[in-house]
Amino acid sequence: MANTGKMTFDKVRTALKDLPLGDHKLIDIVAIVKKCDTFTDETLDSFIGAFYDKNSSTVKLEDLYVDLTYQRKLKLDNLLKNLKRNKGFSKEKAGHIDVARRPNGRLYVWDGFRRAIMALICDMENIAVSIYTHDPKINNTKARQYEAELFLARNSKNEVMGANEIFFARYAKGESEAIKMGDVLHRANINICGLKPGGKNMGGFAFVEKSLGYHEVIDNEKVVKTIKDDDFIDSALSIQSAWPTNGSVGSYLVCALANVRSIIRENDPETTEGELDRALAKYAENNSQKSLTESRVSNKPLESVTFAILKKVLKKNGQSKKLSGLSDDDIAMLEDEE
């Protein structure tokens, strides 16, 4: 079981994270994982596989594909922890994986991707399976969208699935609001789950998605769009211009800057958006993004960062409180933190 071409843990983790969207054979992904120098021959030999009797419904692991257009990327840390905790593959805990046979004949894991990868790491040849066969008349895009719908229905209520991952699956499924959100992110040069290669990263996705009104609506929830698409896009690009070497943009900062654009249009027409962008670039010469977002009133992140921009970037001083929407007590709390 000798392995050549070893890579560090961090390099393998990055390689998995950077896998392009689209189809990948599972055995090719496992080949990358096994290059990790953490997986010594001794370690790999300690991971015990499972065997199924001849009456079990199984599928050959070497025949399986995954479509990363809707699936979550692998997290090497979690794979290693699960394998060590179970000393290999536990078929009782794993149950069966769900696979879809597309009209082109290929088999795609739509649920159980990580379990299948762990089985391959343990040198297993087969795994328990439930197979769904697509209508042979549909095309690959329709098949992918239905698999994404199945994946979303099975996993979106799982608390370990992040808002960005739920959005990613909704986008692959073709939900109209997710498609609109994807267009905004693309124009803003923001990369969520690999949809905009080369774009900037952004945390706090749930806050952004809800501020733009494109989040998943549950139980007829009323959608309140607090930030306009164009304001968000212009603000994201302005931040990237002001801090060009930063690999990410702060979610609170983008939304608050977008909020300031709306505020000055309605309440301070003498201040132009061009002046706002120039003031931000000037501020960025000696300050970080964090300096505008680190002091926040609980449950009022948008108003708090809006206040910081008005005060520190635009130098509105006395007007900052009124325009931000914060109370006197809120302001006092923020000033105590400075």
C-alpha atoms as a PDB file:
ATOM      1  CA  MET A   1       0.000   0.000   0.000  1.00  0.00           C
ATOM      2  CA  ALA A   2       2.947   2.320  -0.580  1.00  0.00           C
ATOM      3  CA  ASN A   3       2.151   5.919  -1.531  1.00  0.00           C
ATOM      4  CA  THR A   4       4.395   8.263  -3.477  1.00  0.00           C
ATOM      5  CA  GLY A   5       4.134  11.988  -4.088  1.00  0.00           C
ATOM      6  CA  LYS A   6       3.106  12.836  -0.540  1.00  0.00           C
ATOM      7  CA  MET A   7       1.597  16.250   0.247  1.00  0.00           C
ATOM      8  CA  THR A   8       1.200  18.145   3.499  1.00  0.00           C
ATOM      9  CA  PHE A   9      -2.140  18.152   5.291  1.00  0.00           C
ATOM     10  CA  ASP A  10      -2.698  21.822   4.360  1.00  0.00           C
ATOM     11  CA  LYS A  11      -1.900  21.231   0.682  1.00  0.00           C
ATOM     12  CA  VAL A  12      -4.318  18.315   0.467  1.00  0.00           C
ATOM     13  CA  ARG A  13      -7.003  20.322   2.262  1.00  0.00           C
ATOM     14  CA  THR A  14      -6.484  23.155  -0.250  1.00  0.00           C
ATOM     15  CA  ALA A  15      -6.550  20.738  -3.189  1.00  0.00           C
ATOM     16  CA  LEU A  16      -9.902  19.362  -2.030  1.00  0.00           C
ATOM     17  CA  LYS A  17     -11.281  22.853  -1.467  1.00  0.00           C
ATOM     18  CA  ASP A  18     -10.148  23.958  -4.938  1.00  0.00           C
ATOM     19  CA  LEU A  19     -11.658  21.060  -6.865  1.00  0.00           C
ATOM     20  CA  PRO A  20     -13.572  22.633  -9.772  1.00  0.00           C
ATOM     21  CA  LEU A  21     -17.349  22.437  -9.941  1.00  0.00           C
ATOM     22  CA  GLY A  22     -18.721  19.575 -11.984  1.00  0.00           C
ATOM     23  CA  ASP A  23     -18.190  15.823 -12.227  1.00  0.00           C
ATOM     24  CA  HIS A  24     -15.454  13.920 -10.409  1.00  0.00           C
ATOM     25  CA  LYS A  25     -14.878  10.213 -10.029  1.00  0.00           C
ATOM     26  CA  LEU A  26     -14.663   9.268  -6.357  1.00  0.00           C
ATOM     27  CA  ILE A  27     -11.511   7.206  -6.822  1.00  0.00           C
ATOM     28  CA  ASP A  28      -9.734  10.306  -8.206  1.00  0.00           C
ATOM     29  CA  ILE A  29     -10.668  12.321  -5.118  1.00  0.00           C
ATOM     30  CA  VAL A  30      -9.478   9.542  -2.812  1.00  0.00           C
ATOM     31  CA  ALA A  31      -6.168   9.474  -4.676  1.00  0.00           C
ATOM     32  CA  ILE A  32      -5.677  13.093  -3.579  1.00  0.00           C
ATOM     33  CA  VAL A  33      -6.672  12.320   0.021  1.00  0.00           C
ATOM     34  CA  LYS A  34      -4.237   9.404   0.263  1.00  0.00           C
ATOM     35  CA  LYS A  35      -1.347  11.691  -0.691  1.00  0.00           C
ATOM     36  CA  CYS A  36      -1.722  13.419   2.669  1.00  0.00           C
ATOM     37  CA  ASP A  37       1.367  12.772   4.786  1.00  0.00           C
ATOM     38  CA  THR A  38      -0.953  12.274   7.765  1.00  0.00           C
ATOM     39  CA  PHE A  39      -2.125   9.053   6.129  1.00  0.00           C
ATOM     40  CA  THR A  40       0.948   6.877   6.646  1.00  0.00           C
ATOM     41  CA  ASP A  41       0.804   3.264   5.515  1.00  0.00           C
ATOM     42  CA  GLU A  42       0.406   2.287   9.153  1.00  0.00           C
ATOM     43  CA  THR A  43      -2.513   4.700   9.568  1.00  0.00           C
ATOM     44  CA  LEU A  44      -4.247   3.497   6.415  1.00  0.00           C
ATOM     45  CA  ASP A  45      -3.830  -0.123   7.468  1.00  0.00           C
ATOM     46  CA  SER A  46      -5.512   0.705  10.799  1.00  0.00           C
ATOM     47  CA  PHE A  47      -8.691   1.830   9.013  1.00  0.00           C
ATOM     48  CA  ILE A  48     -10.749  -1.343   8.793  1.00  0.00           C
ATOM     49  CA  GLY A  49     -13.306  -1.677   6.032  1.00  0.00           C
ATOM     50  CA  ALA A  50     -16.661  -3.462   6.068  1.00  0.00           C
ATOM     51  CA  PHE A  51     -17.978  -6.391   4.071  1.00  0.00           C
ATOM     52  CA  TYR A  52     -21.502  -7.063   2.813  1.00  0.00           C
ATOM     53  CA  ASP A  53     -23.116 -10.441   2.258  1.00  0.00           C
ATOM     54  CA  LYS A  54     -24.213 -11.486  -1.207  1.00  0.00           C
ATOM     55  CA  ASN A  55     -27.858 -10.652  -0.498  1.00  0.00           C
ATOM     56  CA  SER A  56     -27.098  -6.968   0.202  1.00  0.00           C
ATOM     57  CA  SER A  57     -27.870  -4.320  -2.387  1.00  0.00           C
ATOM     58  CA  THR A  58     -24.472  -2.789  -3.109  1.00  0.00           C
ATOM     59  CA  VAL A  59     -22.658  -0.805  -5.775  1.00  0.00           C
ATOM     60  CA  LYS A  60     -19.008  -0.797  -6.848  1.00  0.00           C
ATOM     61  CA  LEU A  61     -17.319   2.280  -5.390  1.00  0.00           C
ATOM     62  CA  GLU A  62     -14.999   2.579  -8.376  1.00  0.00           C
ATOM     63  CA  ASP A  63     -18.023   3.263 -10.599  1.00  0.00           C
ATOM     64  CA  LEU A  64     -19.299   6.249  -8.624  1.00  0.00           C
ATOM     65  CA  TYR A  65     -19.180   9.937  -9.491  1.00  0.00           C
ATOM     66  CA  VAL A  66     -19.985  13.078  -7.522  1.00  0.00           C
ATOM     67  CA  ASP A  67     -21.285  16.334  -8.978  1.00  0.00           C
ATOM     68  CA  LEU A  68     -19.692  19.228  -7.102  1.00  0.00           C
ATOM     69  CA  THR A  69     -22.130  21.609  -8.752  1.00  0.00           C
ATOM     70  CA  TYR A  70     -24.415  20.982  -5.772  1.00  0.00           C
ATOM     71  CA  GLN A  71     -22.433  18.849  -3.316  1.00  0.00           C
ATOM     72  CA  ARG A  72     -20.448  20.323  -0.437  1.00  0.00           C
ATOM     73  CA  LYS A  73     -16.671  20.152  -0.674  1.00  0.00           C
ATOM     74  CA  LEU A  74     -14.872  17.599   1.511  1.00  0.00           C
ATOM     75  CA  LYS A  75     -13.358  18.694   4.807  1.00  0.00           C
ATOM     76  CA  LEU A  76     -10.222  16.679   5.428  1.00  0.00           C
ATOM     77  CA  ASP A  77     -10.255  17.348   9.192  1.00  0.00           C
ATOM     78  CA  ASN A  78     -13.698  15.781   9.582  1.00  0.00           C
ATOM     79  CA  LEU A  79     -12.841  12.776   7.431  1.00  0.00           C
ATOM     80  CA  LEU A  80      -9.798  12.004   9.538  1.00  0.00           C
ATOM     81  CA  LYS A  81     -11.692  12.420  12.828  1.00  0.00           C
ATOM     82  CA  ASN A  82     -14.489  10.098  11.715  1.00  0.00           C
ATOM     83  CA  LEU A  83     -12.108   7.413  10.520  1.00  0.00           C
ATOM     84  CA  LYS A  84     -10.054   7.527  13.718  1.00  0.00           C
ATOM     85  CA  ARG A  85     -13.121   7.561  15.972  1.00  0.00           C
ATOM     86  CA  ASN A  86     -14.638   4.511  14.254  1.00  0.00           C
ATOM     87  CA  LYS A  87     -11.261   2.846  13.548  1.00  0.00           C
ATOM     88  CA  GLY A  88     -12.336   2.647   9.940  1.00  0.00           C
ATOM     89  CA  PHE A  89     -15.738   2.237   8.300  1.00  0.00           C
ATOM     90  CA  SER A  90     -18.834   1.278  10.290  1.00  0.00           C
ATOM     91  CA  LYS A  91     -21.527  -0.009   7.963  1.00  0.00           C
ATOM     92  CA  GLU A  92     -24.082   0.064  10.790  1.00  0.00           C
ATOM     93  CA  LYS A  93     -23.524   3.790  11.372  1.00  0.00           C
ATOM     94  CA  ALA A  94     -23.185   4.552   7.667  1.00  0.00           C
ATOM     95  CA  GLY A  95     -26.330   2.818   6.499  1.00  0.00           C
ATOM     96  CA  HIS A  96     -26.689   3.049   2.711  1.00  0.00           C
ATOM     97  CA  ILE A  97     -25.757   5.818   0.300  1.00  0.00           C
ATOM     98  CA  ASP A  98     -28.162   7.249  -2.276  1.00  0.00           C
ATOM     99  CA  VAL A  99     -27.172   7.155  -5.920  1.00  0.00           C
ATOM    100  CA  ALA A 100     -28.838   8.440  -9.084  1.00  0.00           C
ATOM    101  CA  ARG A 101     -28.357   6.802 -12.468  1.00  0.00           C
ATOM    102  CA  ARG A 102     -28.378   9.512 -15.133  1.00  0.00           C
ATOM    103  CA  PRO A 103     -29.479   8.994 -18.741  1.00  0.00           C
ATOM    104  CA  ASN A 104     -25.807   8.830 -19.753  1.00  0.00           C
ATOM    105  CA  GLY A 105     -25.452   5.705 -17.604  1.00  0.00           C
ATOM    106  CA  ARG A 106     -23.194   7.246 -14.944  1.00  0.00           C
ATOM    107  CA  LEU A 107     -23.915   6.769 -11.253  1.00  0.00           C
ATOM    108  CA  TYR A 108     -23.835   9.894  -9.056  1.00  0.00           C
ATOM    109  CA  VAL A 109     -23.826   9.940  -5.256  1.00  0.00           C
ATOM    110  CA  TRP A 110     -26.414  12.532  -4.246  1.00  0.00           C
ATOM    111  CA  ASP A 111     -26.376  11.637  -0.538  1.00  0.00           C
ATOM    112  CA  GLY A 112     -23.550   9.818   1.224  1.00  0.00           C
ATOM    113  CA  PHE A 113     -20.592  11.351  -0.607  1.00  0.00           C
ATOM    114  CA  ARG A 114     -18.421  11.452   2.537  1.00  0.00           C
ATOM    115  CA  ARG A 115     -19.372   7.916   3.574  1.00  0.00           C
ATOM    116  CA  ALA A 116     -18.395   6.634   0.127  1.00  0.00           C
ATOM    117  CA  ILE A 117     -15.057   8.458   0.326  1.00  0.00           C
ATOM    118  CA  MET A 118     -14.352   6.949   3.745  1.00  0.00           C
ATOM    119  CA  ALA A 119     -15.203   3.493   2.402  1.00  0.00           C
ATOM    120  CA  LEU A 120     -12.683   3.949  -0.407  1.00  0.00           C
ATOM    121  CA  ILE A 121     -10.003   5.140   2.029  1.00  0.00           C
ATOM    122  CA  CYS A 122     -10.599   1.867   3.881  1.00  0.00           C
ATOM    123  CA  ASP A 123      -9.975  -0.018   0.596  1.00  0.00           C
ATOM    124  CA  MET A 124     -13.566  -1.207   0.324  1.00  0.00           C
ATOM    125  CA  GLU A 125     -14.842  -2.276  -3.090  1.00  0.00           C
ATOM    126  CA  ASN A 126     -18.595  -2.061  -2.497  1.00  0.00           C
ATOM    127  CA  ILE A 127     -21.049  -0.117  -0.361  1.00  0.00           C
ATOM    128  CA  ALA A 128     -24.753  -0.487   0.475  1.00  0.00           C
ATOM    129  CA  VAL A 129     -26.877   1.566  -1.892  1.00  0.00           C
ATOM    130  CA  SER A 130     -30.314   2.764  -2.881  1.00  0.00           C
ATOM    131  CA  ILE A 131     -30.425   3.661  -6.585  1.00  0.00           C
ATOM    132  CA  TYR A 132     -32.815   6.071  -8.274  1.00  0.00           C
ATOM    133  CA  THR A 133     -32.959   6.038 -12.081  1.00  0.00           C
ATOM    134  CA  HIS A 134     -33.717   9.303 -13.861  1.00  0.00           C
ATOM    135  CA  ASP A 135     -36.223   9.499 -16.690  1.00  0.00           C
ATOM    136  CA  PRO A 136     -34.097   8.601 -19.761  1.00  0.00           C
ATOM    137  CA  LYS A 137     -35.729  11.414 -21.730  1.00  0.00           C
ATOM    138  CA  ILE A 138     -34.319  14.253 -19.582  1.00  0.00           C
ATOM    139  CA  ASN A 139     -30.941  15.908 -20.134  1.00  0.00           C
ATOM    140  CA  ASN A 140     -27.985  16.112 -17.750  1.00  0.00           C
ATOM    141  CA  THR A 141     -28.938  19.589 -16.500  1.00  0.00           C
ATOM    142  CA  LYS A 142     -32.423  18.476 -15.483  1.00  0.00           C
ATOM    143  CA  ALA A 143     -30.973  15.395 -13.803  1.00  0.00           C
ATOM    144  CA  ARG A 144     -28.511  17.537 -11.832  1.00  0.00           C
ATOM    145  CA  GLN A 145     -31.253  19.942 -10.765  1.00  0.00           C
ATOM    146  CA  TYR A 146     -33.416  17.110  -9.466  1.00  0.00           C
ATOM    147  CA  GLU A 147     -30.494  15.583  -7.575  1.00  0.00           C
ATOM    148  CA  ALA A 148     -29.828  19.012  -6.046  1.00  0.00           C
ATOM    149  CA  GLU A 149     -33.492  19.152  -5.004  1.00  0.00           C
ATOM    150  CA  LEU A 150     -33.187  15.733  -3.354  1.00  0.00           C
ATOM    151  CA  PHE A 151     -29.927  16.724  -1.668  1.00  0.00           C
ATOM    152  CA  LEU A 152     -31.474  19.954  -0.372  1.00  0.00           C
ATOM    153  CA  ALA A 153     -34.552  18.177   0.971  1.00  0.00           C
ATOM    154  CA  ARG A 154     -32.383  15.613   2.766  1.00  0.00           C
ATOM    155  CA  ASN A 155     -29.704  17.948   4.150  1.00  0.00           C
ATOM    156  CA  SER A 156     -30.840  21.580   4.402  1.00  0.00           C
ATOM    157  CA  LYS A 157     -32.398  21.122   7.856  1.00  0.00           C
ATOM    158  CA  ASN A 158     -29.160  19.582   9.121  1.00  0.00           C
ATOM    159  CA  GLU A 159     -27.679  22.106  11.548  1.00  0.00           C
ATOM    160  CA  VAL A 160     -24.121  21.377  10.365  1.00  0.00           C
ATOM    161  CA  MET A 161     -24.986  22.617   6.866  1.00  0.00           C
ATOM    162  CA  GLY A 162     -24.122  26.312   6.574  1.00  0.00           C
ATOM    163  CA  ALA A 163     -26.255  29.002   4.931  1.00  0.00           C
ATOM    164  CA  ASN A 164     -23.757  29.249   2.080  1.00  0.00           C
ATOM    165  CA  GLU A 165     -23.983  25.485   1.455  1.00  0.00           C
ATOM    166  CA  ILE A 166     -27.782  25.589   1.470  1.00  0.00           C
ATOM    167  CA  PHE A 167     -27.668  28.488  -1.007  1.00  0.00           C
ATOM    168  CA  PHE A 168     -25.215  26.523  -3.172  1.00  0.00           C
ATOM    169  CA  ALA A 169     -27.619  23.580  -3.390  1.00  0.00           C
ATOM    170  CA  ARG A 170     -30.592  25.887  -4.043  1.00  0.00           C
ATOM    171  CA  TYR A 171     -28.592  27.538  -6.827  1.00  0.00           C
ATOM    172  CA  ALA A 172     -27.798  24.167  -8.406  1.00  0.00           C
ATOM    173  CA  LYS A 173     -31.448  23.197  -8.111  1.00  0.00           C
ATOM    174  CA  GLY A 174     -32.316  26.321 -10.114  1.00  0.00           C
ATOM    175  CA  GLU A 175     -34.413  28.172  -7.512  1.00  0.00           C
ATOM    176  CA  SER A 176     -35.157  31.647  -8.883  1.00  0.00           C
ATOM    177  CA  GLU A 177     -34.183  33.577  -5.750  1.00  0.00           C
ATOM    178  CA  ALA A 178     -30.906  31.682  -5.435  1.00  0.00           C
ATOM    179  CA  ILE A 179     -30.139  32.378  -9.101  1.00  0.00           C
ATOM    180  CA  LYS A 180     -30.723  36.103  -8.478  1.00  0.00           C
ATOM    181  CA  MET A 181     -28.457  35.947  -5.423  1.00  0.00           C
ATOM    182  CA  GLY A 182     -25.805  34.200  -7.499  1.00  0.00           C
ATOM    183  CA  ASP A 183     -25.950  36.957 -10.112  1.00  0.00           C
ATOM    184  CA  VAL A 184     -25.460  39.635  -7.434  1.00  0.00           C
ATOM    185  CA  LEU A 185     -22.473  37.785  -5.983  1.00  0.00           C
ATOM    186  CA  HIS A 186     -20.937  37.311  -9.430  1.00  0.00           C
ATOM    187  CA  ARG A 187     -21.235  41.017 -10.241  1.00  0.00           C
ATOM    188  CA  ALA A 188     -19.833  41.855  -6.801  1.00  0.00           C
ATOM    189  CA  ASN A 189     -16.796  39.592  -7.436  1.00  0.00           C
ATOM    190  CA  ILE A 190     -17.570  37.473  -4.380  1.00  0.00           C
ATOM    191  CA  ASN A 191     -16.824  33.755  -4.396  1.00  0.00           C
ATOM    192  CA  ILE A 192     -19.241  31.543  -2.494  1.00  0.00           C
ATOM    193  CA  CYS A 193     -18.657  27.788  -2.743  1.00  0.00           C
ATOM    194  CA  GLY A 194     -16.577  28.184  -5.904  1.00  0.00           C
ATOM    195  CA  LEU A 195     -19.234  29.925  -8.007  1.00  0.00           C
ATOM    196  CA  LYS A 196     -16.928  32.886  -8.769  1.00  0.00           C
ATOM    197  CA  PRO A 197     -13.368  31.536  -9.121  1.00  0.00           C
ATOM    198  CA  GLY A 198     -10.857  34.275  -8.397  1.00  0.00           C
ATOM    199  CA  GLY A 199     -13.425  36.332  -6.485  1.00  0.00           C
ATOM    200  CA  LYS A 200     -13.087  37.444  -2.874  1.00  0.00           C
ATOM    201  CA  ASN A 201     -14.229  35.257   0.001  1.00  0.00           C
ATOM    202  CA  MET A 202     -16.947  36.421   2.365  1.00  0.00           C
ATOM    203  CA  GLY A 203     -18.113  35.026   5.696  1.00  0.00           C
ATOM    204  CA  GLY A 204     -21.408  35.793   7.402  1.00  0.00           C
ATOM    205  CA  PHE A 205     -23.366  34.666   4.363  1.00  0.00           C
ATOM    206  CA  ALA A 206     -26.679  34.218   6.200  1.00  0.00           C
ATOM    207  CA  PHE A 207     -26.696  37.910   7.173  1.00  0.00           C
ATOM    208  CA  VAL A 208     -26.003  39.027   3.597  1.00  0.00           C
ATOM    209  CA  GLU A 209     -28.527  36.666   2.036  1.00  0.00           C
ATOM    210  CA  LYS A 210     -31.273  37.836   4.379  1.00  0.00           C
ATOM    211  CA  SER A 211     -30.378  41.526   3.949  1.00  0.00           C
ATOM    212  CA  LEU A 212     -30.759  41.122   0.192  1.00  0.00           C
ATOM    213  CA  GLY A 213     -33.997  39.180   0.607  1.00  0.00           C
ATOM    214  CA  TYR A 214     -32.866  36.059  -1.252  1.00  0.00           C
ATOM    215  CA  HIS A 215     -32.766  33.591   1.658  1.00  0.00           C
ATOM    216  CA  GLU A 216     -34.824  30.409   1.843  1.00  0.00           C
ATOM    217  CA  VAL A 217     -38.341  31.371   2.939  1.00  0.00           C
ATOM    218  CA  ILE A 218     -39.850  29.123   5.602  1.00  0.00           C
ATOM    219  CA  ASP A 219     -43.528  28.976   6.644  1.00  0.00           C
ATOM    220  CA  ASN A 220     -44.617  31.960   4.503  1.00  0.00           C
ATOM    221  CA  GLU A 221     -42.083  34.199   6.214  1.00  0.00           C
ATOM    222  CA  LYS A 222     -42.291  37.817   5.089  1.00  0.00           C
ATOM    223  CA  VAL A 223     -39.248  38.822   3.059  1.00  0.00           C
ATOM    224  CA  VAL A 224     -37.822  42.243   3.936  1.00  0.00           C
ATOM    225  CA  LYS A 225     -35.150  43.495   1.555  1.00  0.00           C
ATOM    226  CA  THR A 226     -33.061  45.969   3.569  1.00  0.00           C
ATOM    227  CA  ILE A 227     -30.225  46.325   1.031  1.00  0.00           C
ATOM    228  CA  LYS A 228     -30.568  47.020  -2.704  1.00  0.00           C
ATOM    229  CA  ASP A 229     -28.680  44.788  -5.121  1.00  0.00           C
ATOM    230  CA  ASP A 230     -26.815  47.624  -6.869  1.00  0.00           C
ATOM    231  CA  ASP A 231     -25.811  49.210  -3.557  1.00  0.00           C
ATOM    232  CA  PHE A 232     -24.419  45.863  -2.388  1.00  0.00           C
ATOM    233  CA  ILE A 233     -22.481  45.352  -5.631  1.00  0.00           C
ATOM    234  CA  ASP A 234     -21.042  48.878  -5.673  1.00  0.00           C
ATOM    235  CA  SER A 235     -20.078  48.608  -2.001  1.00  0.00           C
ATOM    236  CA  ALA A 236     -18.375  45.229  -2.421  1.00  0.00           C
ATOM    237  CA  LEU A 237     -16.319  46.533  -5.342  1.00  0.00           C
ATOM    238  CA  SER A 238     -15.479  49.730  -3.446  1.00  0.00           C
ATOM    239  CA  ILE A 239     -14.164  47.715  -0.475  1.00  0.00           C
ATOM    240  CA  GLN A 240     -12.103  45.511  -2.771  1.00  0.00           C
ATOM    241  CA  SER A 241     -10.633  48.621  -4.388  1.00  0.00           C
ATOM    242  CA  ALA A 242      -9.862  50.208  -1.011  1.00  0.00           C
ATOM    243  CA  TRP A 243      -8.215  47.033   0.392  1.00  0.00           C
ATOM    244  CA  PRO A 244      -6.925  45.349  -2.793  1.00  0.00           C
ATOM    245  CA  THR A 245      -4.634  42.859  -1.051  1.00  0.00           C
ATOM    246  CA  ASN A 246      -7.311  41.473   1.278  1.00  0.00           C
ATOM    247  CA  GLY A 247      -8.525  38.038   0.262  1.00  0.00           C
ATOM    248  CA  SER A 248     -11.963  38.602   1.747  1.00  0.00           C
ATOM    249  CA  VAL A 249     -14.605  41.235   2.367  1.00  0.00           C
ATOM    250  CA  GLY A 250     -16.578  41.520   5.594  1.00  0.00           C
ATOM    251  CA  SER A 251     -20.291  40.816   5.324  1.00  0.00           C
ATOM    252  CA  TYR A 252     -21.258  43.459   7.870  1.00  0.00           C
ATOM    253  CA  LEU A 253     -19.027  46.015   6.177  1.00  0.00           C
ATOM    254  CA  VAL A 254     -20.463  45.417   2.702  1.00  0.00           C
ATOM    255  CA  CYS A 255     -24.051  45.632   3.914  1.00  0.00           C
ATOM    256  CA  ALA A 256     -23.389  48.690   6.084  1.00  0.00           C
ATOM    257  CA  LEU A 257     -21.608  50.518   3.254  1.00  0.00           C
ATOM    258  CA  ALA A 258     -24.584  49.695   1.027  1.00  0.00           C
ATOM    259  CA  ASN A 259     -26.846  51.081   3.746  1.00  0.00           C
ATOM    260  CA  VAL A 260     -24.798  54.293   3.902  1.00  0.00           C
ATOM    261  CA  ARG A 261     -25.232  54.729   0.137  1.00  0.00           C
ATOM    262  CA  SER A 262     -28.993  54.617   0.585  1.00  0.00           C
ATOM    263  CA  ILE A 263     -28.846  56.968   3.579  1.00  0.00           C
ATOM    264  CA  ILE A 264     -26.841  59.702   1.848  1.00  0.00           C
ATOM    265  CA  ARG A 265     -29.057  59.560  -1.253  1.00  0.00           C
ATOM    266  CA  GLU A 266     -32.151  60.135   0.866  1.00  0.00           C
ATOM    267  CA  ASN A 267     -30.821  62.397   3.635  1.00  0.00           C
ATOM    268  CA  ASP A 268     -27.564  63.970   2.493  1.00  0.00           C
ATOM    269  CA  PRO A 269     -27.697  64.681  -1.259  1.00  0.00           C
ATOM    270  CA  GLU A 270     -24.656  66.970  -1.000  1.00  0.00           C
ATOM    271  CA  THR A 271     -22.479  63.908  -0.313  1.00  0.00           C
ATOM    272  CA  THR A 272     -22.066  61.860  -3.470  1.00  0.00           C
ATOM    273  CA  GLU A 273     -21.351  58.147  -3.684  1.00  0.00           C
ATOM    274  CA  GLY A 274     -18.099  58.994  -5.430  1.00  0.00           C
ATOM    275  CA  GLU A 275     -17.051  61.016  -2.386  1.00  0.00           C
ATOM    276  CA  LEU A 276     -17.972  58.065  -0.169  1.00  0.00           C
ATOM    277  CA  ASP A 277     -15.769  55.710  -2.192  1.00  0.00           C
ATOM    278  CA  ARG A 278     -12.850  58.148  -2.164  1.00  0.00           C
ATOM    279  CA  ALA A 279     -13.210  58.676   1.584  1.00  0.00           C
ATOM    280  CA  LEU A 280     -13.192  54.919   2.124  1.00  0.00           C
ATOM    281  CA  ALA A 281     -10.029  54.520   0.044  1.00  0.00           C
ATOM    282  CA  LYS A 282      -8.379  57.284   2.075  1.00  0.00           C
ATOM    283  CA  TYR A 283      -9.445  55.670   5.342  1.00  0.00           C
ATOM    284  CA  ALA A 284      -8.110  52.295   4.178  1.00  0.00           C
ATOM    285  CA  GLU A 285      -4.596  53.691   3.774  1.00  0.00           C
ATOM    286  CA  ASN A 286      -4.076  53.484   7.543  1.00  0.00           C
ATOM    287  CA  ASN A 287      -6.898  51.292   8.802  1.00  0.00           C
ATOM    288  CA  SER A 288      -8.231  47.763   8.407  1.00  0.00           C
ATOM    289  CA  GLN A 289     -11.736  46.587   7.532  1.00  0.00           C
ATOM    290  CA  LYS A 290     -11.981  45.242  11.068  1.00  0.00           C
ATOM    291  CA  SER A 291     -11.602  48.730  12.541  1.00  0.00           C
ATOM    292  CA  LEU A 292     -15.066  49.538  11.173  1.00  0.00           C
ATOM    293  CA  THR A 293     -16.779  46.330  12.281  1.00  0.00           C
ATOM    294  CA  GLU A 294     -15.278  45.271  15.617  1.00  0.00           C
ATOM    295  CA  SER A 295     -17.482  47.489  17.825  1.00  0.00           C
ATOM    296  CA  ARG A 296     -21.134  46.486  17.496  1.00  0.00           C
ATOM    297  CA  VAL A 297     -24.285  46.714  19.565  1.00  0.00           C
ATOM    298  CA  SER A 298     -25.830  43.292  20.120  1.00  0.00           C
ATOM    299  CA  ASN A 299     -28.560  42.553  17.535  1.00  0.00           C
ATOM    300  CA  LYS A 300     -27.779  45.802  15.673  1.00  0.00           C
ATOM    301  CA  PRO A 301     -24.785  44.959  13.464  1.00  0.00           C
ATOM    302  CA  LEU A 302     -26.028  46.893  10.431  1.00  0.00           C
ATOM    303  CA  GLU A 303     -26.735  50.083  12.370  1.00  0.00           C
ATOM    304  CA  SER A 304     -23.480  49.788  14.357  1.00  0.00           C
ATOM    305  CA  VAL A 305     -21.207  49.487  11.326  1.00  0.00           C
ATOM    306  CA  THR A 306     -23.241  52.142   9.501  1.00  0.00           C
ATOM    307  CA  PHE A 307     -22.519  54.457  12.425  1.00  0.00           C
ATOM    308  CA  ALA A 308     -18.794  53.658  12.240  1.00  0.00           C
ATOM    309  CA  ILE A 309     -18.654  54.466   8.521  1.00  0.00           C
ATOM    310  CA  LEU A 310     -20.568  57.718   8.953  1.00  0.00           C
ATOM    311  CA  LYS A 311     -18.352  58.792  11.837  1.00  0.00           C
ATOM    312  CA  LYS A 312     -14.894  57.489  10.904  1.00  0.00           C
ATOM    313  CA  VAL A 313     -14.991  57.538   7.109  1.00  0.00           C
ATOM    314  CA  LEU A 314     -17.365  60.394   6.231  1.00  0.00           C
ATOM    315  CA  LYS A 315     -16.680  62.400   9.414  1.00  0.00           C
ATOM    316  CA  LYS A 316     -20.378  63.142   9.913  1.00  0.00           C
ATOM    317  CA  ASN A 317     -19.864  63.440  13.673  1.00  0.00           C
ATOM    318  CA  GLY A 318     -23.155  64.755  15.124  1.00  0.00           C
ATOM    319  CA  GLN A 319     -25.198  63.444  12.204  1.00  0.00           C
ATOM    320  CA  SER A 320     -23.852  59.931  12.578  1.00  0.00           C
ATOM    321  CA  LYS A 321     -26.200  58.972  15.397  1.00  0.00           C
ATOM    322  CA  LYS A 322     -29.325  60.277  13.698  1.00  0.00           C
ATOM    323  CA  LEU A 323     -28.522  58.788  10.307  1.00  0.00           C
ATOM    324  CA  SER A 324     -27.457  55.392  11.656  1.00  0.00           C
ATOM    325  CA  GLY A 325     -30.643  54.737  13.600  1.00  0.00           C
ATOM    326  CA  LEU A 326     -28.872  54.009  16.894  1.00  0.00           C
ATOM    327  CA  SER A 327     -30.162  55.290  20.237  1.00  0.00           C
ATOM    328  CA  ASP A 328     -28.203  57.412  22.749  1.00  0.00           C
ATOM    329  CA  ASP A 329     -27.668  54.309  24.885  1.00  0.00           C
ATOM    330  CA  ASP A 330     -26.368  52.406  21.867  1.00  0.00           C
ATOM    331  CA  ILE A 331     -23.912  55.186  21.043  1.00  0.00           C
ATOM    332  CA  ALA A 332     -22.729  55.336  24.651  1.00  0.00           C
ATOM    333  CA  MET A 333     -22.098  51.591  24.601  1.00  0.00           C
ATOM    334  CA  LEU A 334     -20.045  51.843  21.397  1.00  0.00           C
ATOM    335  CA  GLU A 335     -18.037  54.802  22.683  1.00  0.00           C
ATOM    336  CA  ASP A 336     -17.235  52.909  25.909  1.00  0.00           C
ATOM    337  CA  GLU A 337     -15.678  50.146  23.800  1.00  0.00           C
ATOM    338  CA  GLU A 338     -13.373  52.566  21.948  1.00  0.00           C
END
